[in-house]
């Protein structure tokens, strides 16, 4: 007997059901979900920024009241560029930013490596990373100002006991020592932030890569500089931009040190000068102009970072 070919019916492909009438598209859904966050962002950031830029073109000094806050155009900006105190505070800001950002990386990267390397004290090291960053900046400034005190400071006591110096140093009265004391304080405060970001990057590096380099005969320094450090580039870039912006906008620790140190001219940053102009001198129009200058410096730092990331991605 011959078998007959039996035709097996092939099910027809079902057409995807169309969108139910009235349902939003993916783009519309994304818009409505992001709208509350966008409005909040505009209310918290955009509105104060636009208001500050607008106020920089008006005269608004409470010690010399004028009716209606008269429009003065670019007069505040001309005054700012002719103000020697603005130039000094801007130079101080950039000087402290370079020293503290570099110092925080020099201290933060070894701290991250200590917290990442398996050891008996690794858990304690990770907890210790959180302490400086969790401490309020004002409290940090007060504590270190006490530690650097000439009469009863702990640092002077240690130096005298170790016979490094014969008599206590006037840390907060000597200009060079006051600058060094503030740099040390800011580096201690911010290095933990860098260490935490670098530690997160280290956790994402596969262990097999370092083990393979050890099998090939590479020592720890070679493995770090040729394998680990290139893979940490994205984490280091993120830490650099955040640290640079916060260093340019630093206020709490310099202001705390200025209250204790006679060498105020060397410690006054642009953020401190803005505070004094607005709160102590009650010149809100000129303070708004200084704030715009600080925003421009922060924006320049961000632009350099974006250019660096874009060039790195293209290569």
Protein backbone atom coordinates (compact mmCIF):
# COMPACT_ATOMS: atom_id res chain seq x y z
CA UNK A 1 0.00 0.00 0.00
CA UNK A 2 1.16 3.43 -0.77
CA UNK A 3 0.94 6.11 1.82
CA UNK A 4 -0.82 9.24 0.81
CA UNK A 5 0.75 12.53 1.61
CA UNK A 6 -1.38 14.19 4.19
CA UNK A 7 -1.24 17.95 4.09
CA UNK A 8 -0.74 19.40 7.55
CA UNK A 9 -2.39 22.77 7.87
CA UNK A 10 0.06 25.51 8.78
CA UNK A 11 -1.32 28.00 11.30
CA UNK A 12 -1.46 31.48 9.98
CA UNK A 13 0.74 34.03 11.67
CA UNK A 14 -1.32 36.15 13.92
CA UNK A 15 -1.04 39.84 13.40
CA UNK A 16 -0.03 41.72 16.48
CA UNK A 17 -2.92 43.32 18.13
CA UNK A 18 -3.01 47.04 17.73
CA UNK A 19 -2.74 49.49 20.55
CA UNK A 20 -5.92 49.88 22.48
CA UNK A 21 -7.57 53.14 21.64
CA UNK A 22 -6.75 55.75 24.24
CA UNK A 23 -3.57 54.11 25.57
CA UNK A 24 -0.45 56.33 25.43
CA UNK A 25 2.51 55.43 23.25
CA UNK A 26 5.91 54.69 24.76
CA UNK A 27 7.07 58.22 24.03
CA UNK A 28 4.00 59.74 25.63
CA UNK A 29 4.31 57.48 28.66
CA UNK A 30 7.97 58.44 29.08
CA UNK A 31 7.04 62.13 28.80
CA UNK A 32 4.39 61.97 31.51
CA UNK A 33 6.63 59.93 33.81
CA UNK A 34 9.54 62.38 33.46
CA UNK A 35 7.41 65.52 33.65
CA UNK A 36 7.20 65.69 37.50
CA UNK A 37 10.98 65.29 37.83
CA UNK A 38 11.57 67.90 35.12
CA UNK A 39 9.26 70.39 36.82
CA UNK A 40 10.95 69.77 40.16
CA UNK A 41 14.35 70.24 38.55
CA UNK A 42 13.25 73.52 36.99
CA UNK A 43 11.84 74.73 40.29
CA UNK A 44 14.89 73.80 42.34
CA UNK A 45 17.69 74.62 39.87
CA UNK A 46 16.56 76.53 36.81
CA UNK A 47 14.40 79.16 38.49
CA UNK A 48 17.04 80.22 41.08
CA UNK A 49 19.71 80.28 38.36
CA UNK A 50 17.65 82.52 36.08
CA UNK A 51 16.75 84.75 39.02
CA UNK A 52 20.39 85.10 40.03
CA UNK A 53 21.42 86.04 36.48
CA UNK A 54 18.63 88.61 36.38
CA UNK A 55 19.61 90.09 39.76
CA UNK A 56 23.20 90.53 38.57
CA UNK A 57 22.00 93.34 36.28
CA UNK A 58 20.29 95.26 39.11
CA UNK A 59 21.47 97.37 42.02
CA UNK A 60 20.24 95.77 45.22
CA UNK A 61 22.23 96.88 48.27
CA UNK A 62 20.23 97.18 51.45
CA UNK A 63 22.66 99.64 53.05
CA UNK A 64 22.05 102.03 50.12
CA UNK A 65 18.39 101.50 49.26
CA UNK A 66 16.98 102.52 45.90
CA UNK A 67 13.34 102.38 44.91
CA UNK A 68 12.54 99.53 42.55
CA UNK A 69 16.03 98.00 42.33
CA UNK A 70 17.23 100.10 39.35
CA UNK A 71 18.63 98.36 36.32
CA UNK A 72 22.39 98.99 36.06
CA UNK A 73 23.25 96.74 33.13
CA UNK A 74 26.85 95.54 33.16
CA UNK A 75 27.94 97.87 35.96
CA UNK A 76 28.19 95.03 38.48
CA UNK A 77 30.35 93.01 36.08
CA UNK A 78 32.65 95.99 35.47
CA UNK A 79 32.95 96.38 39.23
CA UNK A 80 33.74 92.68 39.61
CA UNK A 81 36.62 92.69 37.12
CA UNK A 82 38.02 95.82 38.76
CA UNK A 83 37.69 94.35 42.25
CA UNK A 84 41.08 93.11 43.52
CA UNK A 85 39.34 91.02 46.17
CA UNK A 86 37.51 89.09 43.47
CA UNK A 87 40.78 88.31 41.71
CA UNK A 88 42.38 87.18 44.96
CA UNK A 89 39.46 84.95 45.94
CA UNK A 90 39.32 83.43 42.44
CA UNK A 91 43.04 82.66 42.51
CA UNK A 92 42.67 81.14 45.97
CA UNK A 93 39.77 79.01 44.76
CA UNK A 94 41.68 77.63 41.77
CA UNK A 95 44.82 77.13 43.87
CA UNK A 96 42.99 75.15 46.54
CA UNK A 97 41.07 73.21 43.87
CA UNK A 98 44.28 72.00 42.19
CA UNK A 99 45.94 71.02 45.49
CA UNK A 100 42.93 69.38 47.12
CA UNK A 101 41.73 67.48 44.04
CA UNK A 102 45.21 66.10 43.42
CA UNK A 103 45.67 65.31 47.10
CA UNK A 104 42.33 63.55 47.38
CA UNK A 105 43.31 61.23 44.52
CA UNK A 106 46.76 60.55 45.95
CA UNK A 107 45.17 59.54 49.25
CA UNK A 108 41.89 58.09 48.00
CA UNK A 109 43.27 55.54 45.51
CA UNK A 110 45.51 53.77 48.09
CA UNK A 111 42.60 53.82 50.52
CA UNK A 112 40.39 52.11 47.94
CA UNK A 113 43.05 49.50 47.23
CA UNK A 114 43.39 48.80 50.97
CA UNK A 115 39.63 48.36 51.26
CA UNK A 116 39.54 46.12 48.17
CA UNK A 117 42.48 43.81 48.85
CA UNK A 118 41.47 40.71 50.87
CA UNK A 119 42.81 41.02 54.41
CA UNK A 120 41.68 40.74 58.00
CA UNK A 121 41.06 44.48 58.29
CA UNK A 122 39.27 44.95 54.97
CA UNK A 123 35.86 45.28 56.63
CA UNK A 124 37.20 47.84 59.09
CA UNK A 125 38.86 49.77 56.25
CA UNK A 126 35.57 49.97 54.34
CA UNK A 127 33.78 51.32 57.37
CA UNK A 128 36.57 53.85 57.92
CA UNK A 129 36.02 55.17 54.39
CA UNK A 130 32.56 56.40 55.32
CA UNK A 131 33.57 58.39 58.42
CA UNK A 132 35.21 61.45 56.78
CA UNK A 133 32.56 61.74 54.08
CA UNK A 134 29.67 61.35 56.53
CA UNK A 135 31.02 64.03 58.88
CA UNK A 136 29.52 67.52 58.27
CA UNK A 137 32.05 69.93 56.71
CA UNK A 138 31.57 72.56 59.41
CA UNK A 139 32.30 69.99 62.10
CA UNK A 140 35.38 68.87 60.17
CA UNK A 141 36.64 72.45 59.99
CA UNK A 142 36.09 73.03 63.71
CA UNK A 143 37.82 69.77 64.69
CA UNK A 144 40.88 70.40 62.53
CA UNK A 145 41.07 74.03 63.60
CA UNK A 146 41.31 72.70 67.15
CA UNK A 147 43.88 70.07 66.12
CA UNK A 148 46.05 72.80 64.55
CA UNK A 149 45.67 75.18 67.51
CA UNK A 150 49.04 76.64 68.57
CA UNK A 151 48.49 76.28 72.34
CA UNK A 152 46.64 73.01 72.86
CA UNK A 153 46.55 71.43 69.39
CA UNK A 154 47.28 67.73 69.05
CA UNK A 155 49.53 68.15 66.00
CA UNK A 156 51.87 70.52 67.80
CA UNK A 157 52.01 68.19 70.77
CA UNK A 158 53.00 65.26 68.54
CA UNK A 159 55.66 67.29 66.72
CA UNK A 160 57.18 68.52 69.99
CA UNK A 161 57.20 65.04 71.59
CA UNK A 162 58.90 63.58 68.51
CA UNK A 163 61.47 66.43 68.63
CA UNK A 164 60.60 67.44 65.08
CA UNK A 165 60.10 71.05 66.21
CA UNK A 166 61.45 72.76 69.30
CA UNK A 167 58.40 74.93 69.98
CA UNK A 168 54.76 74.84 68.89
CA UNK A 169 54.03 76.11 65.40
CA UNK A 170 51.59 78.94 64.81
CA UNK A 171 49.57 77.01 62.25
CA UNK A 172 46.64 79.39 61.93
CA UNK A 173 48.66 82.61 62.30
CA UNK A 174 51.41 81.91 59.75
CA UNK A 175 50.14 82.35 56.17
CA UNK A 176 51.95 79.36 54.65
CA UNK A 177 51.09 77.03 57.52
CA UNK A 178 47.44 78.16 57.49
CA UNK A 179 47.17 77.26 53.80
CA UNK A 180 48.81 73.88 54.45
CA UNK A 181 46.46 73.19 57.37
CA UNK A 182 43.37 73.93 55.29
CA UNK A 183 44.60 71.79 52.37
CA UNK A 184 45.21 68.86 54.73
CA UNK A 185 41.73 69.28 56.20
CA UNK A 186 39.98 69.35 52.82
CA UNK A 187 41.99 66.36 51.54
CA UNK A 188 41.09 64.35 54.64
CA UNK A 189 37.44 65.22 54.14
CA UNK A 190 37.20 64.51 50.41
CA UNK A 191 39.61 61.61 49.86
CA UNK A 192 37.04 59.15 51.16
CA UNK A 193 34.63 60.22 48.39
CA UNK A 194 37.26 59.40 45.78
CA UNK A 195 38.04 56.13 47.55
CA UNK A 196 34.41 55.04 47.52
CA UNK A 197 34.03 55.66 43.78
CA UNK A 198 37.33 53.93 43.01
CA UNK A 199 36.33 51.02 45.25
CA UNK A 200 33.14 50.60 43.23
CA UNK A 201 35.23 50.52 40.05
CA UNK A 202 37.57 47.94 41.55
CA UNK A 203 34.63 45.70 42.40
CA UNK A 204 33.66 45.65 38.73
CA UNK A 205 37.06 44.45 37.47
CA UNK A 206 37.07 40.67 36.90
CA UNK A 207 39.46 38.84 39.17
CA UNK A 208 40.52 36.62 36.27
CA UNK A 209 42.38 39.49 34.61
CA UNK A 210 44.71 40.11 37.54
CA UNK A 211 45.16 36.39 38.09
CA UNK A 212 46.15 35.94 34.44
CA UNK A 213 48.70 38.73 34.75
CA UNK A 214 50.17 37.08 37.83
CA UNK A 215 50.46 33.80 35.94
CA UNK A 216 52.31 35.63 33.15
CA UNK A 217 54.85 36.88 35.71
CA UNK A 218 53.64 40.43 36.30
CA UNK A 219 54.16 41.87 39.78
CA UNK A 220 51.60 43.94 41.65
CA UNK A 221 52.83 47.27 40.33
CA UNK A 222 52.74 46.08 36.75
CA UNK A 223 49.26 44.62 37.20
CA UNK A 224 48.04 47.87 38.72
CA UNK A 225 49.45 50.27 36.12
CA UNK A 226 48.83 48.12 33.05
CA UNK A 227 45.53 46.41 33.87
CA UNK A 228 43.72 47.88 36.86
CA UNK A 229 44.41 51.57 36.28
CA UNK A 230 43.24 51.63 32.61
CA UNK A 231 40.04 49.80 33.60
CA UNK A 232 39.48 52.36 36.37
CA UNK A 233 39.47 55.26 33.89
CA UNK A 234 35.65 55.70 33.87
CA UNK A 235 35.46 55.69 37.67
CA UNK A 236 38.38 58.08 37.95
CA UNK A 237 36.76 60.43 35.43
CA UNK A 238 33.52 60.52 37.43
CA UNK A 239 35.39 61.13 40.67
CA UNK A 240 37.45 63.87 39.02
CA UNK A 241 34.51 65.88 37.74
CA UNK A 242 32.57 65.72 41.01
CA UNK A 243 35.64 66.56 43.07
CA UNK A 244 36.61 69.43 40.75
CA UNK A 245 33.17 71.03 40.90
CA UNK A 246 32.93 70.64 44.68
CA UNK A 247 36.48 72.03 45.06
CA UNK A 248 35.60 75.12 43.05
CA UNK A 249 32.45 75.67 45.10
CA UNK A 250 34.02 74.90 48.49
CA UNK A 251 32.75 77.10 51.33
CA UNK A 252 32.29 75.36 54.69
CA UNK A 253 35.85 74.47 55.66
CA UNK A 254 37.47 77.74 54.42
CA UNK A 255 34.84 79.80 56.23
CA UNK A 256 35.40 77.84 59.44
CA UNK A 257 39.17 78.30 59.22
CA UNK A 258 38.83 82.02 58.50
CA UNK A 259 37.03 82.47 61.82
CA UNK A 260 40.09 80.98 63.57
CA UNK A 261 42.95 82.22 61.37
CA UNK A 262 44.25 85.80 61.08
CA UNK A 263 45.56 85.05 57.56
CA UNK A 264 42.11 85.52 56.04
CA UNK A 265 43.23 86.89 52.69
CA UNK A 266 45.00 83.66 51.75
CA UNK A 267 42.09 81.45 52.81
CA UNK A 268 39.13 83.34 51.35
CA UNK A 269 37.63 81.46 48.43
CA UNK A 270 35.09 82.77 45.97
CA UNK A 271 32.29 80.99 47.82
CA UNK A 272 33.27 82.71 51.07
CA UNK A 273 33.46 86.10 49.32
CA UNK A 274 29.95 85.60 47.92
CA UNK A 275 28.64 84.79 51.39
CA UNK A 276 30.26 87.85 52.91
CA UNK A 277 29.05 90.12 50.12
CA UNK A 278 25.45 89.00 50.50
CA UNK A 279 25.09 88.32 54.24
CA UNK A 280 27.60 90.69 55.82
CA UNK A 281 27.67 93.54 53.27
CA UNK A 282 24.02 93.09 52.17
CA UNK A 283 24.95 93.75 48.54
CA UNK A 284 22.73 91.19 46.84
CA UNK A 285 23.17 92.55 43.31
CA UNK A 286 26.96 92.28 43.40
CA UNK A 287 26.73 88.92 45.19
CA UNK A 288 24.56 87.65 42.33
CA UNK A 289 27.25 88.80 39.89
CA UNK A 290 29.91 86.90 41.84
CA UNK A 291 27.63 83.83 41.86
CA UNK A 292 27.36 84.00 38.07
CA UNK A 293 31.17 84.07 37.89
CA UNK A 294 31.37 81.01 40.14
CA UNK A 295 28.79 79.26 37.96
CA UNK A 296 30.86 80.09 34.86
CA UNK A 297 33.97 78.56 36.44
CA UNK A 298 32.04 75.40 37.38
CA UNK A 299 30.59 75.24 33.86
CA UNK A 300 34.08 75.51 32.38
CA UNK A 301 35.27 72.59 34.51
CA UNK A 302 32.27 70.54 33.37
CA UNK A 303 32.93 71.43 29.71
CA UNK A 304 36.51 70.22 30.01
CA UNK A 305 35.25 66.95 31.50
CA UNK A 306 32.67 66.45 28.71
CA UNK A 307 35.33 67.14 26.09
CA UNK A 308 37.68 64.66 27.76
CA UNK A 309 35.00 61.95 27.89
CA UNK A 310 33.94 62.54 24.29
CA UNK A 311 37.51 62.38 23.01
CA UNK A 312 38.13 59.22 25.04
CA UNK A 313 34.98 57.58 23.67
CA UNK A 314 35.87 58.46 20.08
CA UNK A 315 39.27 56.82 20.39
